[in-house]
Protein backbone atom coordinates (compact mmCIF):
# COMPACT_ATOMS: atom_id res chain seq x y z
CA UNK A 1 -6.82 98.18 -148.10
CA UNK A 2 -4.58 94.73 -148.74
CA UNK A 3 -0.75 95.16 -147.50
CA UNK A 4 1.77 92.74 -147.02
CA UNK A 5 2.92 92.65 -143.50
CA UNK A 6 6.30 91.52 -143.22
CA UNK A 7 7.19 89.41 -140.08
CA UNK A 8 10.38 90.64 -138.42
CA UNK A 9 11.25 92.00 -134.86
CA UNK A 10 11.34 95.54 -135.52
CA UNK A 11 9.72 97.32 -132.99
CA UNK A 12 6.64 99.88 -133.64
CA UNK A 13 5.86 103.48 -132.47
CA UNK A 14 1.86 103.47 -132.45
CA UNK A 15 0.22 106.42 -132.94
CA UNK A 16 -3.76 106.52 -132.18
CA UNK A 17 -4.15 110.39 -133.10
CA UNK A 18 -3.62 109.51 -136.84
CA UNK A 19 -5.70 110.48 -139.66
CA UNK A 20 -6.25 108.36 -142.91
CA UNK A 21 -7.80 109.10 -145.56
CA UNK A 22 -11.15 107.02 -146.60
CA UNK A 23 -10.12 106.12 -150.09
CA UNK A 24 -7.16 103.93 -148.21
CA UNK A 25 -9.54 101.82 -147.07
CA UNK A 26 -9.88 100.62 -151.19
CA UNK A 27 -6.00 100.70 -151.94
CA UNK A 28 -3.06 98.37 -151.26
CA UNK A 29 0.37 98.48 -151.61
CA UNK A 30 0.46 96.32 -155.16
CA UNK A 31 4.10 96.50 -155.18
CA UNK A 32 4.56 95.01 -151.92
CA UNK A 33 1.95 92.41 -152.68
CA UNK A 34 3.37 91.84 -156.26
CA UNK A 35 6.43 91.18 -155.67
CA UNK A 36 5.86 88.04 -153.35
CA UNK A 37 4.25 86.24 -156.90
CA UNK A 38 7.53 86.36 -158.79
CA UNK A 39 10.41 85.94 -156.06
CA UNK A 40 10.78 84.72 -152.33
CA UNK A 41 10.91 86.95 -149.47
CA UNK A 42 14.67 87.34 -148.39
CA UNK A 43 13.30 87.89 -145.07
CA UNK A 44 11.90 84.78 -144.85
CA UNK A 45 13.53 81.33 -144.77
CA UNK A 46 11.56 78.35 -147.27
CA UNK A 47 10.42 75.94 -145.53
CA UNK A 48 10.76 72.45 -146.41
CA UNK A 49 8.26 71.89 -148.72
CA UNK A 50 6.28 68.32 -148.25
CA UNK A 51 5.90 66.11 -150.58
CA UNK A 52 2.09 65.97 -150.20
CA UNK A 53 2.25 69.69 -151.37
CA UNK A 54 5.03 69.44 -154.34
CA UNK A 55 4.04 66.63 -155.72
CA UNK A 56 0.13 67.86 -157.33
CA UNK A 57 1.97 71.20 -158.65
CA UNK A 58 4.63 69.87 -160.12
CA UNK A 59 2.17 67.39 -162.24
CA UNK A 60 0.03 69.99 -162.53
CA UNK A 61 2.90 72.35 -164.25
CA UNK A 62 4.32 69.79 -166.33
CA UNK A 63 0.75 69.06 -167.88
CA UNK A 64 0.35 72.76 -168.31
CA UNK A 65 3.84 72.80 -170.30
CA UNK A 66 2.67 70.34 -172.38
CA UNK A 67 -0.52 71.47 -173.46
CA UNK A 68 -1.15 73.25 -177.08
CA UNK A 69 -2.31 76.16 -176.62
CA UNK A 70 -5.95 75.54 -178.59
CA UNK A 71 -6.44 73.06 -176.29
CA UNK A 72 -6.13 75.16 -172.80
CA UNK A 73 -8.58 73.78 -170.72
CA UNK A 74 -10.23 77.15 -169.70
CA UNK A 75 -12.95 76.87 -166.27
CA UNK A 76 -15.60 78.97 -167.52
CA UNK A 77 -18.19 77.22 -165.42
CA UNK A 78 -16.89 77.60 -161.24
CA UNK A 79 -18.47 79.68 -159.17
CA UNK A 80 -15.39 80.10 -156.29
CA UNK A 81 -12.39 78.92 -155.14
CA UNK A 82 -11.79 76.72 -152.31
CA UNK A 83 -10.05 77.63 -149.11
CA UNK A 84 -7.51 75.65 -147.07
CA UNK A 85 -4.86 76.52 -144.45
CA UNK A 86 -2.54 75.19 -142.31
CA UNK A 87 -3.62 77.27 -139.74
CA UNK A 88 -3.66 75.40 -136.48
CA UNK A 89 -5.28 76.33 -132.73
CA UNK A 90 -2.45 77.64 -132.14
CA UNK A 91 -0.19 79.58 -134.32
CA UNK A 92 3.08 80.86 -134.23
CA UNK A 93 4.48 81.19 -137.80
CA UNK A 94 1.62 83.32 -139.17
CA UNK A 95 2.29 86.74 -141.16
CA UNK A 96 -0.81 89.21 -141.83
CA UNK A 97 -1.67 89.70 -145.24
CA UNK A 98 -3.95 92.35 -145.59
CA UNK A 99 -5.97 94.03 -143.04
CA UNK A 100 -9.52 95.95 -143.78
CA UNK A 101 -10.48 96.81 -140.41
CA UNK A 102 -10.83 94.18 -137.03
CA UNK A 103 -13.50 91.66 -138.38
CA UNK A 104 -11.16 91.79 -141.56
CA UNK A 105 -8.09 90.65 -142.41
CA UNK A 106 -6.21 87.50 -143.85
CA UNK A 107 -3.65 85.84 -141.99
CA UNK A 108 -1.02 82.99 -143.72
CA UNK A 109 1.07 80.06 -142.13
CA UNK A 110 4.95 80.89 -143.08
CA UNK A 111 4.48 77.41 -144.84
CA UNK A 112 1.31 78.26 -146.90
CA UNK A 113 2.90 81.46 -147.88
CA UNK A 114 6.29 79.19 -149.56
CA UNK A 115 4.18 77.12 -151.33
CA UNK A 116 1.69 80.07 -152.89
CA UNK A 117 4.92 81.96 -154.10
CA UNK A 118 6.02 78.42 -155.93
CA UNK A 119 2.55 78.56 -157.45
CA UNK A 120 1.79 82.31 -157.88
CA UNK A 121 5.97 82.30 -160.03
CA UNK A 122 4.38 79.38 -162.46
CA UNK A 123 0.70 80.76 -163.33
CA UNK A 124 2.76 84.38 -163.89
CA UNK A 125 5.55 82.31 -166.27
CA UNK A 126 2.14 80.78 -168.00
CA UNK A 127 0.40 83.81 -168.75
CA UNK A 128 3.10 85.96 -169.35
CA UNK A 129 4.69 82.83 -172.02
CA UNK A 130 0.74 81.81 -173.30
CA UNK A 131 0.93 82.00 -177.27
CA UNK A 132 -2.69 82.39 -177.99
CA UNK A 133 -3.30 84.58 -174.49
CA UNK A 134 -5.63 86.37 -177.25
CA UNK A 135 -7.87 83.37 -176.84
CA UNK A 136 -8.11 83.52 -173.21
CA UNK A 137 -9.24 87.20 -173.05
CA UNK A 138 -12.81 86.91 -171.71
CA UNK A 139 -15.81 88.32 -173.78
CA UNK A 140 -18.65 90.60 -172.69
CA UNK A 141 -21.25 87.65 -173.05
CA UNK A 142 -19.12 85.44 -170.78
CA UNK A 143 -19.28 87.89 -167.75
CA UNK A 144 -21.10 86.56 -164.97
CA UNK A 145 -21.12 87.78 -161.06
CA UNK A 146 -19.12 84.96 -158.94
CA UNK A 147 -16.90 84.02 -162.50
CA UNK A 148 -13.51 83.00 -161.41
CA UNK A 149 -10.57 84.40 -163.75
CA UNK A 150 -6.97 85.93 -162.90
CA UNK A 151 -6.08 89.67 -163.83
CA UNK A 152 -3.39 91.41 -164.69
CA UNK A 153 -1.82 93.35 -161.85
CA UNK A 154 -2.57 96.85 -162.19
CA UNK A 155 0.98 97.98 -160.87
CA UNK A 156 3.04 95.14 -162.45
CA UNK A 157 2.01 93.95 -166.42
CA UNK A 158 3.87 90.64 -165.75
CA UNK A 159 2.19 89.82 -162.50
CA UNK A 160 -1.12 87.59 -162.18
CA UNK A 161 -3.92 87.56 -159.56
CA UNK A 162 -6.41 84.88 -158.80
CA UNK A 163 -9.89 86.99 -159.03
CA UNK A 164 -13.44 86.22 -158.83
CA UNK A 165 -16.07 88.78 -160.28
CA UNK A 166 -18.44 90.93 -158.12
CA UNK A 167 -19.59 93.58 -160.54
CA UNK A 168 -19.64 94.29 -164.03
CA UNK A 169 -20.18 97.96 -165.50
CA UNK A 170 -21.09 97.35 -169.38
CA UNK A 171 -21.63 101.47 -169.96
CA UNK A 172 -17.83 102.08 -168.87
CA UNK A 173 -16.62 97.96 -169.54
CA UNK A 174 -15.48 97.40 -166.18
CA UNK A 175 -15.08 95.39 -163.53
CA UNK A 176 -15.33 95.04 -159.86
CA UNK A 177 -13.51 91.95 -159.04
CA UNK A 178 -12.38 90.51 -155.25
CA UNK A 179 -9.03 89.24 -155.55
CA UNK A 180 -8.76 85.81 -153.56
CA UNK A 181 -5.32 85.71 -152.68
CA UNK A 182 -4.60 89.01 -151.39
CA UNK A 183 -7.81 89.09 -149.48
CA UNK A 184 -9.30 92.58 -150.95
CA UNK A 185 -11.40 94.02 -153.33
CA UNK A 186 -10.40 95.91 -156.83
CA UNK A 187 -12.95 98.54 -158.41
CA UNK A 188 -12.98 99.88 -162.03
CA UNK A 189 -11.11 97.16 -163.31
CA UNK A 190 -10.91 97.15 -167.41
CA UNK A 191 -12.39 93.99 -169.11
CA UNK A 192 -9.43 93.89 -171.31
CA UNK A 193 -7.20 92.74 -167.80
CA UNK A 194 -9.34 89.88 -167.71
CA UNK A 195 -8.28 86.39 -168.56
CA UNK A 196 -9.84 83.11 -168.57
CA UNK A 197 -8.76 80.65 -165.92
CA UNK A 198 -7.47 77.44 -166.16
CA UNK A 199 -8.67 74.58 -164.10
CA UNK A 200 -5.16 73.59 -161.97
CA UNK A 201 -4.97 77.42 -161.49
CA UNK A 202 -8.91 77.94 -160.02
CA UNK A 203 -8.22 73.89 -157.92
CA UNK A 204 -5.35 75.23 -156.10
CA UNK A 205 -6.80 76.47 -153.01
CA UNK A 206 -6.67 79.86 -151.58
CA UNK A 207 -4.29 79.98 -148.54
CA UNK A 208 -4.81 84.00 -147.81
CA UNK A 209 -7.48 82.81 -144.75
CA UNK A 210 -10.31 85.39 -143.82
CA UNK A 211 -10.51 86.18 -139.83
CA UNK A 212 -11.74 88.71 -137.30
CA UNK A 213 -11.12 89.47 -133.84
CA UNK A 214 -13.54 87.59 -131.53
CA UNK A 215 -15.51 88.75 -128.80
CA UNK A 216 -15.62 92.15 -130.23
CA UNK A 217 -17.66 94.78 -131.46
CA UNK A 218 -16.80 98.68 -132.78
CA UNK A 219 -17.13 101.18 -129.76
CA UNK A 220 -18.29 103.46 -131.70
CA UNK A 221 -19.51 102.25 -135.52
CA UNK A 222 -19.94 104.46 -138.65
CA UNK A 223 -23.34 104.29 -140.27
CA UNK A 224 -22.63 101.01 -142.07
CA UNK A 225 -21.91 99.24 -138.33
CA UNK A 226 -18.29 99.07 -139.65
CA UNK A 227 -15.27 100.22 -137.76
CA UNK A 228 -14.08 104.07 -137.61
CA UNK A 229 -10.91 105.11 -139.31
CA UNK A 230 -9.23 105.58 -136.29
CA UNK A 231 -10.11 102.37 -134.97
CA UNK A 232 -8.71 101.09 -138.49
CA UNK A 233 -5.85 103.14 -138.02
CA UNK A 234 -5.00 102.04 -134.66
CA UNK A 235 -5.51 98.54 -135.78
CA UNK A 236 -3.10 98.60 -138.34
CA UNK A 237 -0.88 100.34 -136.11
CA UNK A 238 0.00 97.81 -133.45
CA UNK A 239 -0.20 94.85 -136.16
CA UNK A 240 2.15 95.82 -138.80
CA UNK A 241 5.71 94.79 -138.93
CA UNK A 242 5.75 92.89 -135.81
CA UNK A 243 5.96 89.14 -135.22
CA UNK A 244 2.28 87.55 -135.10
CA UNK A 245 0.93 84.81 -133.58
CA UNK A 246 -2.81 83.56 -133.89
CA UNK A 247 -5.78 81.48 -130.97
CA UNK A 248 -8.14 80.42 -133.64
CA UNK A 249 -11.52 80.02 -131.41
CA UNK A 250 -13.75 79.41 -134.00
CA UNK A 251 -14.83 79.03 -137.19
CA UNK A 252 -18.19 80.67 -139.11
CA UNK A 253 -20.11 79.05 -142.02
CA UNK A 254 -18.77 82.05 -144.37
CA UNK A 255 -15.21 81.11 -144.02
CA UNK A 256 -14.14 83.78 -141.15
CA UNK A 257 -11.79 82.32 -138.67
CA UNK A 258 -12.76 83.99 -135.25
CA UNK A 259 -9.43 84.77 -133.64
CA UNK A 260 -7.11 85.80 -130.86
CA UNK A 261 -4.62 87.60 -132.19
CA UNK A 262 -1.30 88.77 -130.66
CA UNK A 263 1.35 91.24 -131.39
CA UNK A 264 4.88 91.53 -129.59
CA UNK A 265 6.54 95.02 -129.39
CA UNK A 266 8.34 95.55 -125.74
CA UNK A 267 5.83 93.23 -124.14
CA UNK A 268 3.58 90.64 -125.50
CA UNK A 269 -0.26 91.81 -126.66
CA UNK A 270 -3.40 90.41 -127.29
CA UNK A 271 -4.71 92.94 -129.90
CA UNK A 272 -8.42 91.84 -128.77
CA UNK A 273 -7.62 93.06 -125.31
CA UNK A 274 -5.53 96.05 -126.34
CA UNK A 275 -8.68 97.61 -128.18
CA UNK A 276 -11.23 96.86 -125.22
CA UNK A 277 -8.84 98.81 -122.78
CA UNK A 278 -8.21 101.78 -125.13
CA UNK A 279 -12.18 101.54 -125.63
CA UNK A 280 -12.53 101.30 -129.56
CA UNK A 281 -14.63 98.35 -128.84
CA UNK A 282 -16.64 96.99 -126.59
CA UNK A 283 -16.99 93.69 -125.96
CA UNK A 284 -19.91 91.22 -127.20
CA UNK A 285 -21.09 87.30 -127.92
CA UNK A 286 -20.17 86.40 -131.36
CA UNK A 287 -23.48 85.48 -132.82
CA UNK A 288 -22.97 82.80 -136.10
CA UNK A 289 -26.50 83.10 -136.93
CA UNK A 290 -26.51 84.86 -139.92
CA UNK A 291 -29.13 87.55 -142.01
CA UNK A 292 -31.09 86.77 -144.91
CA UNK A 293 -28.99 89.64 -146.56
CA UNK A 294 -25.74 87.93 -145.75
CA UNK A 295 -26.91 84.65 -147.85
CA UNK A 296 -25.81 84.57 -151.13
CA UNK A 297 -29.04 84.82 -153.45
CA UNK A 298 -28.81 82.30 -155.96
CA UNK A 299 -27.20 79.34 -153.71
CA UNK A 300 -28.26 80.39 -150.36
CA UNK A 301 -25.09 79.62 -148.69
CA UNK A 302 -23.78 82.25 -146.57
CA UNK A 303 -21.20 84.88 -147.76
CA UNK A 304 -18.06 85.19 -147.41
CA UNK A 305 -17.87 88.26 -145.07
CA UNK A 306 -15.51 90.62 -147.56
CA UNK A 307 -18.29 90.23 -150.20
CA UNK A 308 -21.57 91.13 -147.61
CA UNK A 309 -19.11 93.88 -146.62
CA UNK A 310 -18.48 94.94 -150.66
CA UNK A 311 -21.92 94.23 -151.11
CA UNK A 312 -23.43 96.66 -148.14
CA UNK A 313 -20.82 99.35 -149.24
CA UNK A 314 -22.14 99.42 -152.43
CA UNK A 315 -25.74 99.79 -151.20
CA UNK A 316 -24.69 102.69 -148.71
CA UNK A 317 -22.82 104.30 -151.94
CA UNK A 318 -26.02 103.87 -153.88
CA UNK A 319 -28.15 105.55 -151.18
CA UNK A 320 -26.16 108.23 -150.87
CA UNK A 321 -26.19 108.64 -154.81
CA UNK A 322 -29.87 108.73 -154.44
CA UNK A 323 -30.18 111.01 -151.60
CA UNK A 324 -27.66 113.77 -153.41
CA UNK A 325 -29.79 113.57 -156.40
CA UNK A 326 -33.27 113.90 -154.73
CA UNK A 327 -31.24 117.15 -152.95
CA UNK A 328 -30.24 118.54 -156.10
CA UNK A 329 -33.62 118.03 -157.66
CA UNK A 330 -35.02 119.82 -154.58
CA UNK A 331 -32.66 122.50 -154.86
CA UNK A 332 -33.19 123.01 -158.59
CA UNK A 333 -36.57 123.07 -157.91
CA UNK A 334 -36.79 125.68 -155.34
CA UNK A 335 -34.24 128.12 -157.28
CA UNK A 336 -36.53 127.67 -159.99
CA UNK A 337 -39.74 128.36 -157.95
CA UNK A 338 -38.09 131.88 -156.54
CA UNK A 339 -37.06 132.40 -160.24
CA UNK A 340 -40.63 132.40 -160.98
CA UNK A 341 -41.72 133.98 -158.23
CA UNK A 342 -39.04 137.31 -159.08
CA UNK A 343 -40.11 137.38 -162.19
CA UNK A 344 -44.01 137.53 -161.18
CA UNK A 345 -42.89 140.52 -158.15
CA UNK A 346 -40.89 142.22 -161.23
CA UNK A 347 -43.98 141.72 -163.26
CA UNK A 348 -46.79 142.59 -160.91
CA UNK A 349 -47.44 146.63 -159.19
CA UNK A 350 -45.63 146.76 -156.01
CA UNK A 351 -47.95 149.47 -154.84
CA UNK A 352 -52.04 149.96 -154.93
CA UNK A 353 -53.76 153.56 -153.62
CA UNK A 354 -57.03 153.38 -152.23
CA UNK A 355 -58.84 157.00 -151.89
CA UNK A 356 -60.74 157.23 -148.56
CA UNK A 357 -63.46 159.86 -149.41
CA UNK A 358 -64.78 159.89 -145.36
CA UNK A 359 -64.46 161.45 -143.52
CA UNK A 360 -61.47 163.19 -144.74
CA UNK A 361 -60.03 163.09 -148.32
CA UNK A 362 -56.77 160.81 -147.61
CA UNK A 363 -55.72 157.61 -148.81
CA UNK A 364 -54.50 154.23 -147.91
CA UNK A 365 -51.35 153.14 -149.22
CA UNK A 366 -50.49 149.09 -149.40
CA UNK A 367 -46.95 148.12 -150.49
CA UNK A 368 -46.23 144.69 -151.75
CA UNK A 369 -43.26 143.40 -149.72
CA UNK A 370 -42.00 139.65 -150.68
CA UNK A 371 -45.15 137.49 -149.85
CA UNK A 372 -46.50 140.45 -147.08
CA UNK A 373 -48.93 143.01 -147.93
CA UNK A 374 -47.72 145.70 -145.89
CA UNK A 375 -48.40 150.13 -144.94
CA UNK A 376 -45.66 152.59 -145.38
CA UNK A 377 -45.28 154.45 -142.10
CA UNK A 378 -46.16 157.98 -143.23
CA UNK A 379 -49.58 156.73 -144.66
CA UNK A 380 -50.25 155.71 -141.04
CA UNK A 381 -49.31 158.59 -139.90
CA UNK A 382 -51.57 160.69 -142.45
CA UNK A 383 -54.28 158.82 -141.08
CA UNK A 384 -54.46 160.58 -137.81
CA UNK A 385 -55.04 164.26 -137.32
CA UNK A 386 -52.69 165.75 -136.42
CA UNK A 387 -50.73 163.37 -137.98
CA UNK A 388 -48.17 160.27 -135.38
CA UNK A 389 -44.29 160.92 -135.73
CA UNK A 390 -42.90 158.11 -137.26
CA UNK A 391 -41.07 157.88 -133.99
CA UNK A 392 -43.94 157.01 -131.90
CA UNK A 393 -45.38 154.52 -134.69
CA UNK A 394 -41.69 153.02 -134.67
CA UNK A 395 -42.17 152.75 -130.81
CA UNK A 396 -46.07 151.72 -130.67
CA UNK A 397 -45.02 148.89 -133.01
CA UNK A 398 -41.98 147.67 -131.23
CA UNK A 399 -43.24 148.15 -128.08
CA UNK A 400 -46.44 145.31 -129.38
CA UNK A 401 -44.03 142.86 -130.97
CA UNK A 402 -45.08 143.77 -134.77
CA UNK A 403 -41.32 145.45 -135.79
CA UNK A 404 -41.09 147.25 -139.45
CA UNK A 405 -39.49 146.35 -142.04
CA UNK A 406 -36.96 149.04 -143.03
CA UNK A 407 -35.90 149.19 -147.18
CA UNK A 408 -33.70 151.36 -149.43
CA UNK A 409 -32.83 152.30 -152.68
CA UNK A 410 -30.13 149.15 -152.35
CA UNK A 411 -32.61 146.69 -150.56
CA UNK A 412 -35.73 147.21 -152.51
CA UNK A 413 -34.96 149.91 -155.38
CA UNK A 414 -38.23 150.14 -157.40
CA UNK A 415 -40.17 149.31 -154.13
CA UNK A 416 -38.42 152.32 -152.75
CA UNK A 417 -38.78 154.69 -155.46
CA UNK A 418 -42.23 154.16 -155.41
CA UNK A 419 -43.24 154.92 -152.07
CA UNK A 420 -40.90 158.08 -152.46
CA UNK A 421 -43.50 158.99 -155.12
CA UNK A 422 -46.59 158.55 -153.21
CA UNK A 423 -45.36 160.53 -150.58
CA UNK A 424 -46.09 163.33 -152.44
CA UNK A 425 -50.14 162.26 -152.29
CA UNK A 426 -49.93 162.49 -148.77
CA UNK A 427 -52.19 165.60 -147.52
CA UNK A 428 -49.11 167.45 -145.59
CA UNK A 429 -45.17 167.52 -146.39
CA UNK A 430 -43.45 165.22 -144.66
CA UNK A 431 -39.45 164.79 -144.98
CA UNK A 432 -37.34 161.84 -144.88
CA UNK A 433 -34.21 161.92 -142.22
CA UNK A 434 -32.00 161.42 -144.70
CA UNK A 435 -31.53 161.51 -148.49
CA UNK A 436 -29.34 159.39 -151.08
CA UNK A 437 -28.65 155.94 -150.81
CA UNK A 438 -28.92 155.98 -146.96
CA UNK A 439 -32.53 157.09 -147.05
CA UNK A 440 -34.99 154.34 -145.67
CA UNK A 441 -38.56 153.75 -145.63
CA UNK A 442 -40.23 151.64 -142.48
CA UNK A 443 -43.31 149.29 -143.25
CA UNK A 444 -45.54 148.02 -140.56
CA UNK A 445 -47.66 144.67 -141.39
CA UNK A 446 -51.48 145.12 -141.49
CA UNK A 447 -51.88 143.80 -138.29
CA UNK A 448 -49.31 145.98 -136.20
CA UNK A 449 -51.76 148.92 -138.05
CA UNK A 450 -54.95 147.67 -136.83
CA UNK A 451 -53.70 147.37 -133.16
CA UNK A 452 -52.25 151.04 -133.77
CA UNK A 453 -55.87 152.10 -134.97
CA UNK A 454 -57.99 150.11 -132.63
CA UNK A 455 -55.55 151.94 -129.49
CA UNK A 456 -56.68 155.12 -130.66
CA UNK A 457 -59.99 154.55 -130.30
CA UNK A 458 -59.95 154.54 -134.70
CA UNK A 459 -63.68 153.84 -135.73
CA UNK A 460 -63.74 154.16 -139.39
CA UNK A 461 -65.42 151.03 -140.89
CA UNK A 462 -64.12 151.70 -144.37
CA UNK A 463 -60.61 151.46 -143.73
CA UNK A 464 -60.68 148.19 -141.69
CA UNK A 465 -62.26 146.54 -143.68
CA UNK A 466 -59.85 147.69 -146.25
CA UNK A 467 -57.17 146.13 -144.32
CA UNK A 468 -59.48 143.19 -143.77
CA UNK A 469 -59.31 142.32 -147.93
CA UNK A 470 -55.47 143.15 -147.55
CA UNK A 471 -55.24 140.74 -144.55
CA UNK A 472 -57.29 138.37 -146.73
CA UNK A 473 -54.81 139.14 -150.16
CA UNK A 474 -52.32 138.43 -147.66
CA UNK A 475 -52.86 135.16 -146.68
CA UNK A 476 -54.35 133.79 -149.62
CA UNK A 477 -51.45 134.84 -151.86
CA UNK A 478 -54.27 136.97 -153.92
CA UNK A 479 -52.65 138.90 -156.98
CA UNK A 480 -55.72 140.12 -158.01
CA UNK A 481 -55.82 142.64 -155.13
CA UNK A 482 -52.94 144.38 -157.11
CA UNK A 483 -54.11 143.67 -160.51
CA UNK A 484 -57.18 146.13 -159.83
CA UNK A 485 -56.16 149.61 -161.08
CA UNK A 486 -56.82 152.48 -158.62
CA UNK A 487 -59.66 154.16 -160.65
CA UNK A 488 -62.00 151.47 -161.68
CA UNK A 489 -62.01 150.78 -157.49
CA UNK A 490 -63.08 154.21 -157.09
CA UNK A 491 -65.88 153.64 -159.59
CA UNK A 492 -66.88 150.30 -157.41
CA UNK A 493 -67.10 151.91 -154.14
CA UNK A 494 -68.54 154.79 -156.44
CA UNK A 495 -71.49 152.44 -157.59
CA UNK A 496 -71.80 150.59 -153.91
CA UNK A 497 -72.20 154.03 -152.43
CA UNK A 498 -74.84 154.85 -155.63
CA UNK A 499 -76.67 151.56 -155.19
CA UNK A 500 -77.15 152.02 -150.75
CA UNK A 501 -79.12 155.17 -151.62
CA UNK A 502 -80.58 153.46 -154.46
CA UNK A 503 -82.52 150.96 -151.92
CA UNK A 504 -82.77 153.21 -149.07
CA UNK A 505 -84.60 155.46 -151.24
CA UNK A 506 -86.72 152.15 -152.47
CA UNK A 507 -87.40 151.51 -149.05
CA UNK A 508 -88.87 155.13 -147.86
CA UNK A 509 -90.74 154.46 -151.26
CA UNK A 510 -92.38 151.47 -149.92
CA UNK A 511 -93.15 152.78 -146.60
CA UNK A 512 -95.35 156.24 -148.23
CA UNK A 513 -97.01 153.92 -150.59
CA UNK A 514 -98.33 151.41 -147.79
CA UNK A 515 -99.23 154.79 -145.86
CA UNK A 516 -100.92 156.11 -148.60
CA UNK A 517 -102.85 152.67 -149.54
CA UNK A 518 -104.10 152.38 -145.54
CA UNK A 519 -105.70 155.87 -145.91
CA UNK A 520 -107.33 155.23 -149.42
CA UNK A 521 -108.94 152.40 -147.82
CA UNK A 522 -110.38 154.00 -144.64
CA UNK A 523 -111.63 157.15 -146.94
CA UNK A 524 -114.72 156.78 -149.22
CA UNK A 525 -114.90 158.27 -152.49
CA UNK A 526 -117.25 161.10 -151.13
CA UNK A 527 -114.42 162.04 -149.00
CA UNK A 528 -112.91 165.62 -150.77
CA UNK A 529 -109.15 164.27 -150.33
CA UNK A 530 -110.00 160.97 -151.68
CA UNK A 531 -108.49 162.03 -155.09
CA UNK A 532 -105.60 163.59 -153.51
CA UNK A 533 -104.52 160.43 -151.57
CA UNK A 534 -104.92 158.50 -154.71
CA UNK A 535 -103.23 160.84 -157.11
CA UNK A 536 -100.12 160.89 -154.38
CA UNK A 537 -100.54 157.01 -154.28
CA UNK A 538 -100.09 156.76 -158.57
CA UNK A 539 -96.93 158.49 -157.98
CA UNK A 540 -95.31 156.83 -155.59
CA UNK A 541 -95.80 153.94 -157.20
CA UNK A 542 -94.57 155.28 -160.65
CA UNK A 543 -91.36 156.29 -158.92
CA UNK A 544 -90.98 153.30 -157.21
CA UNK A 545 -90.99 151.30 -160.29
CA UNK A 546 -88.48 153.55 -161.76
CA UNK A 547 -85.97 152.90 -158.67
CA UNK A 548 -86.38 149.65 -158.67
CA UNK A 549 -85.71 149.20 -162.94
CA UNK A 550 -82.99 151.14 -162.41
CA UNK A 551 -81.38 149.66 -159.44
CA UNK A 552 -81.65 146.00 -161.00
CA UNK A 553 -80.27 147.36 -164.35
CA UNK A 554 -77.10 147.94 -162.28
CA UNK A 555 -76.58 144.22 -161.64
């Protein structure tokens, strides 16, 4: 934010609970700042300009006036401006040109302000009257970082500001500029608003000097290590529209002055101490050693504090955009996976029924709820003789931390409808507690059902095997568990029973064969039972051969 703070004696009502928009940090009062480029402020008495100041300026402007436009001395190779100020060890006649936060504000003496007003009025006059102004428009090829130029004011078309190029965005043909005399930056400036700067205008020193309050740091810094909005608002309220004095303590390599700033409200106040007293800042020993990221990557010279801040905020913005992009991709991927799972759930069956042939003819019903394999309460009830009531099952499950899941036609209509059809398959009549849209069916987990069966000393191993199979399918998310048709499963179970019977008969025949062979070895052919035992052995071997071939062909 760049503002012109007038130096007058009007008092300020300082408020500390005011809120400001974060956008206000990047905007400035152009009408106030730009006005000083066209006319001398009436609230300031113009001091006498020394011959040392006026002579170079007058001679420079005279030369420009005599130049023809086709030989205008354009400065196209510079990388920065020179900074100079009459700011002494103690200065009373100073004004605040702009203020971003306590570690970034720009000061000018009254003498420098009057001289700068005269300089900018001449510069405006030249760029507004230039007959061949189109030749001064900067082409895309000429753009580069740190290029010195001038730019048209975004609010007043006849006002021009000296600038330094920070970034160029070819996709929009727009630039980010450091407005060196205003002590702020401006983004999204069209290239058409830029002009080449003349050597005399570029050589003129920048008299707005960057300053920072010495000996303090933010008490509650933001993510970028800078001051929060409350501290910035308080700082601006304290220094706005009041007489200002400054004490310069040190000057760093990046051009910043470390200062104590004083203002007069009802009393004479040191702004540094004021922020410390209200715990907005904490005391520190300022360090002049620059981190590697604070150096220009090309020249390896210390960057201006305001340029370093611009780069830092650009990096933070890029990180934020990248993080938001990653988050957006993750959310899209999550939605895609959820949609794929939803479609998969619609395609797969949600019920699997297994017939339990022994010891009694009943059915084991599994229901697919989300990624869980569960069993409805009426199926659990039918496993017992006499059947357990729904309330008994519910109380037991809650007692042992296996609470049921309730589904209704509104929450899961397909599964609820299929389970209601399954209720008719149970060997006894069961009536739901209510009808219509308010009806609900309780589903219980595999572990909860196992706990209930074990508690009632249930000993049907077949059922426990099926529970283990369902539990494994749940853990592995095995879709084949649901895709096996019921009749195929029954055939598989019957085949297993038949095969087990065959293996049992084979074992019996082998044992009988061994006994007959032993008897035959102990008998002589003259024994009257010899032929009988021999025929029995041959019949046994024939049967064993038939059963063995039949068993092998089944695999």
